[in-house]
Amino acid sequence: MKHLTDKTKKFVESATIEDRIHSCRNSKWIGYTQASKIMNKLEELLIYPKTVRMPNLLLVGDSNNGKTAILDKFKQKNLSYVDEDVRVISPVVLVQAPPEPDERRFYNAILEVLYAPYRTSEKLDSRYLRVKKLLLNLKTKVLIIDEIHHVLAGSPSKQRKFLNVIKHLSNDLQISLVCAGTKLAFNAIQSDQQLANRFDPRVLPRWNNDIELKRLLVSFEALLPLKEESLLIEPSMSNKILSLSEGLIGEIAKILELSSIEAIKSGKEKITKEILNNIDYISPEDRKKKFIS
């Protein structure tokens, strides 16, 4: 089992079949090149000194291509804690943009993740002041807004108003914003010239059959609880995985999860081309066709 990390090898040697199947379903963090670069950029935002014009980051990529996984990992590395004065500190706050650009729902989303109660009758100005005070008291340095492309679901006037809200919040608190979403997110931010000039865009492209994909597959294989080496980087295997996944890392992870479980159940203990051909998996394009038909 030289293909496994030491930790995974020890687990495989002692775990039951059920435990190994459960392990296959657990999410796995792979620090591939682009993810590591973005993580480093996020960490820089945490230590950036307060200034009138705080740096911001826009993370763009197709759905299921790793954006949320990176943001969750960053959040997990910077969880809330209690300082020496027994005050709760939350350096990173992560919220999801409301389904449409709505100021009240945005404030509610922040209050909810901070476990702060709110009344539906509370006026917007009062709600904003409470959000501002909470983030100040928590010494928040980075506010992450995922699914920012939802902004485009509203009218142009609602879009402008919502973008002004997040711009005002960033200016008022002198904190960095990290917005993430599909390619439409770029259009949303670009619609406000002042915001566009403040955001550093980072793109997560789809995967290609190159050295980066091979490194990714090697990293995945080292974490999969299989007793035999699958040789995922062998051309016919990597080509098949890339074709099925359409170059989306979330799909690659799902394919390897299903294949690993089948490899354990069948007793083969490795992923084969036969297993890849027979797992219960539908590609993103085929899913779209099923909805259209």
Foldseek 3Di string as FASTA:
>chain_A
DVLADPVLVVCLVPDDLVVLLVLLPDDDDDCFDQLVVVLVVVVVLLPDDFDQQRAAAEEAEDPQFCPVVSVVVSQVVQDWDQDPVRAIARQEAEFEQPLELDQVVVLVRRCVSVVHDDDPPDDSVVSLVVSLVVCVSNVHAEYEYEAQLSHVVDDPVSLVVSVVVVVCSCSVNRHYYYYYHYPSNLVSQVVDVVSNVRYDYDYRYFDDLDPSLVVVVSVVQNSNNFPDEAPCNPVVNVVLLCVQAVRGVSSSSVLSSQQSSVCSVVVVRYRDPVSSVDGPDHGPVRVVVVVVD
